[in-house]
Amino acid sequence: MRADVHHVGDGTYLVHGSNTNWVILAEGDAVTLVDTGYPGDREQLLASLAQVGSSPEAVAAVLITHAHNDHLGSAEYLRATYGTPVYLHEAEVPHARREFLHQVSVGTVLRNSWRPGVLPWVVHALRSGGTTHNPVTAPEPFPAAGALDLPGRPVPVHTPGHTDGHCAYHLPGTGVLVSGDALVSGHPTSRVEGPQLLPDMFHHERPRAVASLDLLAELDGELLLPGHGPVHRGSLKDAAHRARERAL
């Protein structure tokens, strides 16, 4: 199997899984993996590492933007099989352990099933393990403030709203933002293209998700790697402002 891997910058790769993206940051023989797709994306995930000349043994750490199954998919597999540490914001750690679940409810999805794209998305999510019980047994909070001592030197940016502990990851040296679901460029249930918030039903607290766009607008950079949708090139400030205008 080949994965849909896009080399978007020096040592930086955006991978399109099945409706969800993950990012590989390579530095020498080691890599940082940001998110892991759905549980059902594991073969694609492992293939993507091979395609960039890496392997699961070379993953220095898994960084999770937030603990929904379409991003958390193979984190526990990597932790349990290879001893890979899995890091999240401290507010997201209990979410990853599944002490609670901030996720769109079945009832809300059913009430929105008339919207274009929702039913095909539901079918795909179910087939890919989107509703399975998939905790990380021993997730860890970030070991230090500021830039992490990992390939890419990512800086966590707490962007609550989609979930309480959602984090984007900024790479100041290369002007890259790995935005998770705080700022996306498309989604199967969205009818618009370009920088945007996910549809309202997906956010735990939508007003906080909107407010977090202001935090992203303060970051310098020209390359947006979202959790859903294609790579977006252009000012991060402009992308965040555009998403905020669309959300109001």
C-alpha atoms as a PDB file:
ATOM      1  CA  MET A   1       0.000   0.000   0.000  1.00  0.00           C
ATOM      2  CA  ARG A   2       1.150   3.528  -0.773  1.00  0.00           C
ATOM      3  CA  ALA A   3       0.077   6.524   1.263  1.00  0.00           C
ATOM      4  CA  ASP A   4      -0.816   9.967  -0.096  1.00  0.00           C
ATOM      5  CA  VAL A   5       2.344  11.745   1.084  1.00  0.00           C
ATOM      6  CA  HIS A   6       3.123  15.362   0.158  1.00  0.00           C
ATOM      7  CA  HIS A   7       6.595  16.807   0.744  1.00  0.00           C
ATOM      8  CA  VAL A   8       5.709  20.393   1.652  1.00  0.00           C
ATOM      9  CA  GLY A   9       9.004  21.663   3.065  1.00  0.00           C
ATOM     10  CA  ASP A  10      12.420  20.669   4.339  1.00  0.00           C
ATOM     11  CA  GLY A  11      11.813  17.469   6.299  1.00  0.00           C
ATOM     12  CA  THR A  12       8.071  18.192   6.492  1.00  0.00           C
ATOM     13  CA  TYR A  13       5.387  15.929   5.048  1.00  0.00           C
ATOM     14  CA  LEU A  14       1.594  16.194   5.024  1.00  0.00           C
ATOM     15  CA  VAL A  15      -0.124  12.836   4.662  1.00  0.00           C
ATOM     16  CA  HIS A  16      -3.750  12.493   3.605  1.00  0.00           C
ATOM     17  CA  GLY A  17      -5.317   9.493   5.279  1.00  0.00           C
ATOM     18  CA  SER A  18      -8.958   8.534   4.914  1.00  0.00           C
ATOM     19  CA  ASN A  19     -10.635  11.913   5.564  1.00  0.00           C
ATOM     20  CA  THR A  20      -7.960  12.929   8.105  1.00  0.00           C
ATOM     21  CA  ASN A  21      -4.372  14.156   7.806  1.00  0.00           C
ATOM     22  CA  TRP A  22      -1.236  13.551   9.813  1.00  0.00           C
ATOM     23  CA  VAL A  23       2.187  15.193   9.614  1.00  0.00           C
ATOM     24  CA  ILE A  24       5.708  13.760   9.634  1.00  0.00           C
ATOM     25  CA  LEU A  25       8.610  15.972  10.732  1.00  0.00           C
ATOM     26  CA  ALA A  26      11.927  14.365   9.803  1.00  0.00           C
ATOM     27  CA  GLU A  27      15.370  15.253  11.145  1.00  0.00           C
ATOM     28  CA  GLY A  28      18.223  12.892  10.435  1.00  0.00           C
ATOM     29  CA  ASP A  29      17.164   9.369  11.315  1.00  0.00           C
ATOM     30  CA  ALA A  30      14.361  10.454  13.681  1.00  0.00           C
ATOM     31  CA  VAL A  31      10.849  11.746  13.070  1.00  0.00           C
ATOM     32  CA  THR A  32       8.054  13.395  15.003  1.00  0.00           C
ATOM     33  CA  LEU A  33       4.581  12.184  14.103  1.00  0.00           C
ATOM     34  CA  VAL A  34       1.720  14.634  14.604  1.00  0.00           C
ATOM     35  CA  ASP A  35      -1.573  12.715  14.797  1.00  0.00           C
ATOM     36  CA  THR A  36      -2.119   9.207  13.455  1.00  0.00           C
ATOM     37  CA  GLY A  37      -5.430   9.145  11.540  1.00  0.00           C
ATOM     38  CA  TYR A  38      -8.268   6.719  12.202  1.00  0.00           C
ATOM     39  CA  PRO A  39      -7.633   3.266  13.699  1.00  0.00           C
ATOM     40  CA  GLY A  40      -8.398   1.926  10.235  1.00  0.00           C
ATOM     41  CA  ASP A  41      -5.612   4.052   8.708  1.00  0.00           C
ATOM     42  CA  ARG A  42      -2.795   2.035  10.298  1.00  0.00           C
ATOM     43  CA  GLU A  43      -1.518   0.490   7.079  1.00  0.00           C
ATOM     44  CA  GLN A  44      -1.431   3.923   5.453  1.00  0.00           C
ATOM     45  CA  LEU A  45       0.318   5.368   8.495  1.00  0.00           C
ATOM     46  CA  LEU A  46       3.069   2.752   8.432  1.00  0.00           C
ATOM     47  CA  ALA A  47       3.366   3.092   4.656  1.00  0.00           C
ATOM     48  CA  SER A  48       3.773   6.852   4.958  1.00  0.00           C
ATOM     49  CA  LEU A  49       6.705   6.413   7.346  1.00  0.00           C
ATOM     50  CA  ALA A  50       8.365   3.991   4.920  1.00  0.00           C
ATOM     51  CA  GLN A  51       7.813   6.367   2.001  1.00  0.00           C
ATOM     52  CA  VAL A  52       9.770   9.143   3.729  1.00  0.00           C
ATOM     53  CA  GLY A  53      12.588   6.729   4.544  1.00  0.00           C
ATOM     54  CA  SER A  54      11.591   6.170   8.144  1.00  0.00           C
ATOM     55  CA  SER A  55      10.009   3.482  10.291  1.00  0.00           C
ATOM     56  CA  PRO A  56       7.874   3.206  13.421  1.00  0.00           C
ATOM     57  CA  GLU A  57      11.032   2.472  15.439  1.00  0.00           C
ATOM     58  CA  ALA A  58      12.369   5.903  14.401  1.00  0.00           C
ATOM     59  CA  VAL A  59       9.395   7.869  15.729  1.00  0.00           C
ATOM     60  CA  ALA A  60      10.788   9.925  18.605  1.00  0.00           C
ATOM     61  CA  ALA A  61       7.306  10.866  19.795  1.00  0.00           C
ATOM     62  CA  VAL A  62       3.687  11.097  18.744  1.00  0.00           C
ATOM     63  CA  LEU A  63       2.128  14.518  19.268  1.00  0.00           C
ATOM     64  CA  ILE A  64      -1.664  14.523  19.304  1.00  0.00           C
ATOM     65  CA  THR A  65      -3.636  17.652  18.459  1.00  0.00           C
ATOM     66  CA  HIS A  66      -6.699  16.250  20.225  1.00  0.00           C
ATOM     67  CA  ALA A  67      -8.029  12.888  21.319  1.00  0.00           C
ATOM     68  CA  HIS A  68     -10.712  12.146  18.742  1.00  0.00           C
ATOM     69  CA  ASN A  69     -10.387   8.712  17.162  1.00  0.00           C
ATOM     70  CA  ASP A  70      -9.671  10.110  13.692  1.00  0.00           C
ATOM     71  CA  HIS A  71      -6.465  11.675  15.087  1.00  0.00           C
ATOM     72  CA  LEU A  72      -5.652   9.275  17.923  1.00  0.00           C
ATOM     73  CA  GLY A  73      -6.032   6.133  15.790  1.00  0.00           C
ATOM     74  CA  SER A  74      -2.670   4.333  16.102  1.00  0.00           C
ATOM     75  CA  ALA A  75      -1.137   6.253  19.009  1.00  0.00           C
ATOM     76  CA  GLU A  76      -1.635   3.426  21.504  1.00  0.00           C
ATOM     77  CA  TYR A  77      -0.350   0.886  18.970  1.00  0.00           C
ATOM     78  CA  LEU A  78       2.908   2.821  18.600  1.00  0.00           C
ATOM     79  CA  ARG A  79       3.212   3.347  22.358  1.00  0.00           C
ATOM     80  CA  ALA A  80       2.543  -0.282  23.251  1.00  0.00           C
ATOM     81  CA  THR A  81       4.548  -1.841  20.407  1.00  0.00           C
ATOM     82  CA  TYR A  82       7.549   0.474  20.149  1.00  0.00           C
ATOM     83  CA  GLY A  83       7.535   2.388  23.434  1.00  0.00           C
ATOM     84  CA  THR A  84       6.843   5.654  21.621  1.00  0.00           C
ATOM     85  CA  PRO A  85       5.826   8.455  24.009  1.00  0.00           C
ATOM     86  CA  VAL A  86       2.467  10.065  23.234  1.00  0.00           C
ATOM     87  CA  TYR A  87       2.267  13.730  24.211  1.00  0.00           C
ATOM     88  CA  LEU A  88      -0.779  16.008  24.489  1.00  0.00           C
ATOM     89  CA  HIS A  89      -1.803  19.155  26.321  1.00  0.00           C
ATOM     90  CA  GLU A  90      -2.383  18.391  29.998  1.00  0.00           C
ATOM     91  CA  ALA A  91      -6.129  19.087  29.612  1.00  0.00           C
ATOM     92  CA  GLU A  92      -6.289  16.493  26.828  1.00  0.00           C
ATOM     93  CA  VAL A  93      -4.461  13.709  28.678  1.00  0.00           C
ATOM     94  CA  PRO A  94      -7.576  12.414  30.531  1.00  0.00           C
ATOM     95  CA  HIS A  95      -9.508  12.694  27.267  1.00  0.00           C
ATOM     96  CA  ALA A  96      -6.956  10.402  25.602  1.00  0.00           C
ATOM     97  CA  ARG A  97      -7.354   7.943  28.485  1.00  0.00           C
ATOM     98  CA  ARG A  98     -11.115   8.107  27.821  1.00  0.00           C
ATOM     99  CA  GLU A  99     -12.016   9.338  31.271  1.00  0.00           C
ATOM    100  CA  PHE A 100     -14.540  11.412  29.308  1.00  0.00           C
ATOM    101  CA  LEU A 101     -15.338  11.989  25.647  1.00  0.00           C
ATOM    102  CA  HIS A 102     -15.782  15.392  24.000  1.00  0.00           C
ATOM    103  CA  GLN A 103     -17.193  14.235  20.696  1.00  0.00           C
ATOM    104  CA  VAL A 104     -20.255  14.871  18.558  1.00  0.00           C
ATOM    105  CA  SER A 105     -23.121  12.665  19.767  1.00  0.00           C
ATOM    106  CA  VAL A 106     -25.008  10.169  17.647  1.00  0.00           C
ATOM    107  CA  GLY A 107     -28.187  12.193  18.212  1.00  0.00           C
ATOM    108  CA  THR A 108     -26.561  15.380  16.929  1.00  0.00           C
ATOM    109  CA  VAL A 109     -25.261  13.593  13.860  1.00  0.00           C
ATOM    110  CA  LEU A 110     -28.709  12.168  13.157  1.00  0.00           C
ATOM    111  CA  ARG A 111     -30.275  15.620  13.466  1.00  0.00           C
ATOM    112  CA  ASN A 112     -27.761  16.839  10.895  1.00  0.00           C
ATOM    113  CA  SER A 113     -28.013  13.846   8.577  1.00  0.00           C
ATOM    114  CA  TRP A 114     -29.958  15.876   5.996  1.00  0.00           C
ATOM    115  CA  ARG A 115     -26.884  18.051   5.370  1.00  0.00           C
ATOM    116  CA  PRO A 116     -24.805  17.272   2.265  1.00  0.00           C
ATOM    117  CA  GLY A 117     -21.949  14.889   2.934  1.00  0.00           C
ATOM    118  CA  VAL A 118     -22.960  13.910   6.460  1.00  0.00           C
ATOM    119  CA  LEU A 119     -24.243  10.392   5.787  1.00  0.00           C
ATOM    120  CA  PRO A 120     -21.229   9.333   3.651  1.00  0.00           C
ATOM    121  CA  TRP A 121     -18.958  10.758   6.348  1.00  0.00           C
ATOM    122  CA  VAL A 122     -20.795   8.741   9.031  1.00  0.00           C
ATOM    123  CA  VAL A 123     -20.474   5.518   7.058  1.00  0.00           C
ATOM    124  CA  HIS A 124     -16.758   6.110   6.554  1.00  0.00           C
ATOM    125  CA  ALA A 125     -16.196   7.022  10.213  1.00  0.00           C
ATOM    126  CA  LEU A 126     -17.927   3.834  11.380  1.00  0.00           C
ATOM    127  CA  ARG A 127     -15.945   1.647   8.987  1.00  0.00           C
ATOM    128  CA  SER A 128     -12.664   3.291  10.001  1.00  0.00           C
ATOM    129  CA  GLY A 129     -13.105   2.865  13.749  1.00  0.00           C
ATOM    130  CA  GLY A 130     -14.338   6.345  14.537  1.00  0.00           C
ATOM    131  CA  THR A 131     -16.603   5.136  17.354  1.00  0.00           C
ATOM    132  CA  THR A 132     -14.464   2.327  18.794  1.00  0.00           C
ATOM    133  CA  HIS A 133     -13.111   2.474  22.335  1.00  0.00           C
ATOM    134  CA  ASN A 134      -9.536   3.447  21.561  1.00  0.00           C
ATOM    135  CA  PRO A 135      -7.794   4.956  24.607  1.00  0.00           C
ATOM    136  CA  VAL A 136      -4.115   5.647  25.064  1.00  0.00           C
ATOM    137  CA  THR A 137      -3.106   3.782  28.206  1.00  0.00           C
ATOM    138  CA  ALA A 138      -0.318   6.115  29.296  1.00  0.00           C
ATOM    139  CA  PRO A 139      -0.522   9.483  27.517  1.00  0.00           C
ATOM    140  CA  GLU A 140       1.811  12.189  28.808  1.00  0.00           C
ATOM    141  CA  PRO A 141       1.610  15.976  29.081  1.00  0.00           C
ATOM    142  CA  PHE A 142       4.284  17.936  27.249  1.00  0.00           C
ATOM    143  CA  PRO A 143       7.601  17.510  29.073  1.00  0.00           C
ATOM    144  CA  ALA A 144       8.470  21.223  28.971  1.00  0.00           C
ATOM    145  CA  ALA A 145       7.081  24.595  27.998  1.00  0.00           C
ATOM    146  CA  GLY A 146       7.958  26.124  24.642  1.00  0.00           C
ATOM    147  CA  ALA A 147       9.615  24.310  21.759  1.00  0.00           C
ATOM    148  CA  LEU A 148       9.784  20.550  22.244  1.00  0.00           C
ATOM    149  CA  ASP A 149      13.129  18.808  21.935  1.00  0.00           C
ATOM    150  CA  LEU A 150      11.932  16.703  19.028  1.00  0.00           C
ATOM    151  CA  PRO A 151      12.472  16.685  15.256  1.00  0.00           C
ATOM    152  CA  GLY A 152      11.006  19.906  13.853  1.00  0.00           C
ATOM    153  CA  ARG A 153      11.178  21.670  17.252  1.00  0.00           C
ATOM    154  CA  PRO A 154       7.370  22.103  17.323  1.00  0.00           C
ATOM    155  CA  VAL A 155       5.877  24.615  19.743  1.00  0.00           C
ATOM    156  CA  PRO A 156       2.483  23.579  21.196  1.00  0.00           C
ATOM    157  CA  VAL A 157      -0.204  26.258  20.947  1.00  0.00           C
ATOM    158  CA  HIS A 158      -3.225  25.602  23.166  1.00  0.00           C
ATOM    159  CA  THR A 159      -6.309  26.226  21.025  1.00  0.00           C
ATOM    160  CA  PRO A 160      -9.326  25.090  23.071  1.00  0.00           C
ATOM    161  CA  GLY A 161     -12.846  24.836  21.758  1.00  0.00           C
ATOM    162  CA  HIS A 162     -12.906  21.839  19.489  1.00  0.00           C
ATOM    163  CA  THR A 163     -11.903  20.009  22.680  1.00  0.00           C
ATOM    164  CA  ASP A 164     -10.664  21.480  25.964  1.00  0.00           C
ATOM    165  CA  GLY A 165      -7.062  20.490  25.384  1.00  0.00           C
ATOM    166  CA  HIS A 166      -6.773  20.914  21.624  1.00  0.00           C
ATOM    167  CA  CYS A 167      -3.284  21.997  20.550  1.00  0.00           C
ATOM    168  CA  ALA A 168      -1.874  23.207  17.268  1.00  0.00           C
ATOM    169  CA  TYR A 169       1.873  22.949  16.657  1.00  0.00           C
ATOM    170  CA  HIS A 170       3.880  25.891  15.318  1.00  0.00           C
ATOM    171  CA  LEU A 171       7.280  25.546  13.669  1.00  0.00           C
ATOM    172  CA  PRO A 172       8.603  29.120  13.835  1.00  0.00           C
ATOM    173  CA  GLY A 173      11.820  28.296  12.010  1.00  0.00           C
ATOM    174  CA  THR A 174      10.002  27.157   8.875  1.00  0.00           C
ATOM    175  CA  GLY A 175       6.749  29.108   9.164  1.00  0.00           C
ATOM    176  CA  VAL A 176       4.634  25.962   9.404  1.00  0.00           C
ATOM    177  CA  LEU A 177       1.449  25.524  11.449  1.00  0.00           C
ATOM    178  CA  VAL A 178       0.065  22.048  12.076  1.00  0.00           C
ATOM    179  CA  SER A 179      -3.429  23.132  13.034  1.00  0.00           C
ATOM    180  CA  GLY A 180      -5.365  19.941  13.732  1.00  0.00           C
ATOM    181  CA  ASP A 181      -9.069  20.768  13.894  1.00  0.00           C
ATOM    182  CA  ALA A 182      -8.619  24.330  15.179  1.00  0.00           C
ATOM    183  CA  LEU A 183      -8.349  25.523  11.564  1.00  0.00           C
ATOM    184  CA  VAL A 184      -8.998  23.343   8.534  1.00  0.00           C
ATOM    185  CA  SER A 185      -9.132  23.812   4.768  1.00  0.00           C
ATOM    186  CA  GLY A 186     -11.926  21.361   3.969  1.00  0.00           C
ATOM    187  CA  HIS A 187     -14.012  18.476   5.274  1.00  0.00           C
ATOM    188  CA  PRO A 188     -16.371  15.909   3.721  1.00  0.00           C
ATOM    189  CA  THR A 189     -19.307  17.591   5.500  1.00  0.00           C
ATOM    190  CA  SER A 190     -18.346  21.134   4.432  1.00  0.00           C
ATOM    191  CA  ARG A 191     -19.421  22.707   1.159  1.00  0.00           C
ATOM    192  CA  VAL A 192     -16.750  25.423   1.173  1.00  0.00           C
ATOM    193  CA  GLU A 193     -13.028  25.292   0.426  1.00  0.00           C
ATOM    194  CA  GLY A 194     -10.162  27.106   2.054  1.00  0.00           C
ATOM    195  CA  PRO A 195      -9.495  28.160   5.664  1.00  0.00           C
ATOM    196  CA  GLN A 196     -12.509  27.501   7.886  1.00  0.00           C
ATOM    197  CA  LEU A 197     -13.733  26.043  11.135  1.00  0.00           C
ATOM    198  CA  LEU A 198     -15.288  22.613  11.055  1.00  0.00           C
ATOM    199  CA  PRO A 199     -19.110  22.607  11.015  1.00  0.00           C
ATOM    200  CA  ASP A 200     -20.598  23.661  14.336  1.00  0.00           C
ATOM    201  CA  MET A 201     -21.705  20.212  15.481  1.00  0.00           C
ATOM    202  CA  PHE A 202     -18.112  19.001  15.817  1.00  0.00           C
ATOM    203  CA  HIS A 203     -16.984  21.524  18.444  1.00  0.00           C
ATOM    204  CA  HIS A 204     -17.244  20.916  22.173  1.00  0.00           C
ATOM    205  CA  GLU A 205     -17.448  24.691  22.747  1.00  0.00           C
ATOM    206  CA  ARG A 206     -17.822  26.598  19.512  1.00  0.00           C
ATOM    207  CA  PRO A 207     -17.305  30.119  20.979  1.00  0.00           C
ATOM    208  CA  ARG A 208     -13.916  29.035  22.325  1.00  0.00           C
ATOM    209  CA  ALA A 209     -13.051  27.478  18.967  1.00  0.00           C
ATOM    210  CA  VAL A 210     -13.801  30.802  17.282  1.00  0.00           C
ATOM    211  CA  ALA A 211     -11.748  32.684  19.890  1.00  0.00           C
ATOM    212  CA  SER A 212      -8.795  30.346  19.359  1.00  0.00           C
ATOM    213  CA  LEU A 213      -8.540  31.555  15.778  1.00  0.00           C
ATOM    214  CA  ASP A 214      -7.269  34.852  17.202  1.00  0.00           C
ATOM    215  CA  LEU A 215      -4.375  32.957  18.811  1.00  0.00           C
ATOM    216  CA  LEU A 216      -3.480  31.388  15.469  1.00  0.00           C
ATOM    217  CA  ALA A 217      -3.662  34.782  13.753  1.00  0.00           C
ATOM    218  CA  GLU A 218      -0.750  35.943  15.933  1.00  0.00           C
ATOM    219  CA  LEU A 219       1.607  33.284  14.544  1.00  0.00           C
ATOM    220  CA  ASP A 220       4.097  34.006  11.776  1.00  0.00           C
ATOM    221  CA  GLY A 221       4.164  31.643   8.843  1.00  0.00           C
ATOM    222  CA  GLU A 222       3.052  30.873   5.329  1.00  0.00           C
ATOM    223  CA  LEU A 223       2.204  27.159   5.414  1.00  0.00           C
ATOM    224  CA  LEU A 224      -0.902  25.647   6.991  1.00  0.00           C
ATOM    225  CA  LEU A 225      -1.062  21.877   7.457  1.00  0.00           C
ATOM    226  CA  PRO A 226      -4.617  21.198   8.656  1.00  0.00           C
ATOM    227  CA  GLY A 227      -6.195  18.142  10.198  1.00  0.00           C
ATOM    228  CA  HIS A 228      -8.642  18.026   7.302  1.00  0.00           C
ATOM    229  CA  GLY A 229      -8.300  19.343   3.766  1.00  0.00           C
ATOM    230  CA  PRO A 230      -5.343  20.196   1.526  1.00  0.00           C
ATOM    231  CA  VAL A 231      -2.233  22.171   2.391  1.00  0.00           C
ATOM    232  CA  HIS A 232      -2.885  25.924   2.403  1.00  0.00           C
ATOM    233  CA  ARG A 233      -0.131  28.328   1.399  1.00  0.00           C
ATOM    234  CA  GLY A 234      -0.312  31.952   2.450  1.00  0.00           C
ATOM    235  CA  SER A 235      -0.260  34.098   5.550  1.00  0.00           C
ATOM    236  CA  LEU A 236      -1.378  32.232   8.681  1.00  0.00           C
ATOM    237  CA  LYS A 237      -2.854  35.503   9.930  1.00  0.00           C
ATOM    238  CA  ASP A 238      -4.974  35.872   6.798  1.00  0.00           C
ATOM    239  CA  ALA A 239      -6.072  32.227   6.963  1.00  0.00           C
ATOM    240  CA  ALA A 240      -7.209  32.561  10.579  1.00  0.00           C
ATOM    241  CA  HIS A 241      -9.029  35.828   9.864  1.00  0.00           C
ATOM    242  CA  ARG A 242     -10.775  34.288   6.867  1.00  0.00           C
ATOM    243  CA  ALA A 243     -11.953  31.346   8.974  1.00  0.00           C
ATOM    244  CA  ARG A 244     -13.196  33.725  11.670  1.00  0.00           C
ATOM    245  CA  GLU A 245     -15.181  35.785   9.160  1.00  0.00           C
ATOM    246  CA  ARG A 246     -16.800  32.623   7.819  1.00  0.00           C
ATOM    247  CA  ALA A 247     -17.684  31.529  11.368  1.00  0.00           C
ATOM    248  CA  LEU A 248     -19.502  34.736  12.300  1.00  0.00           C
END
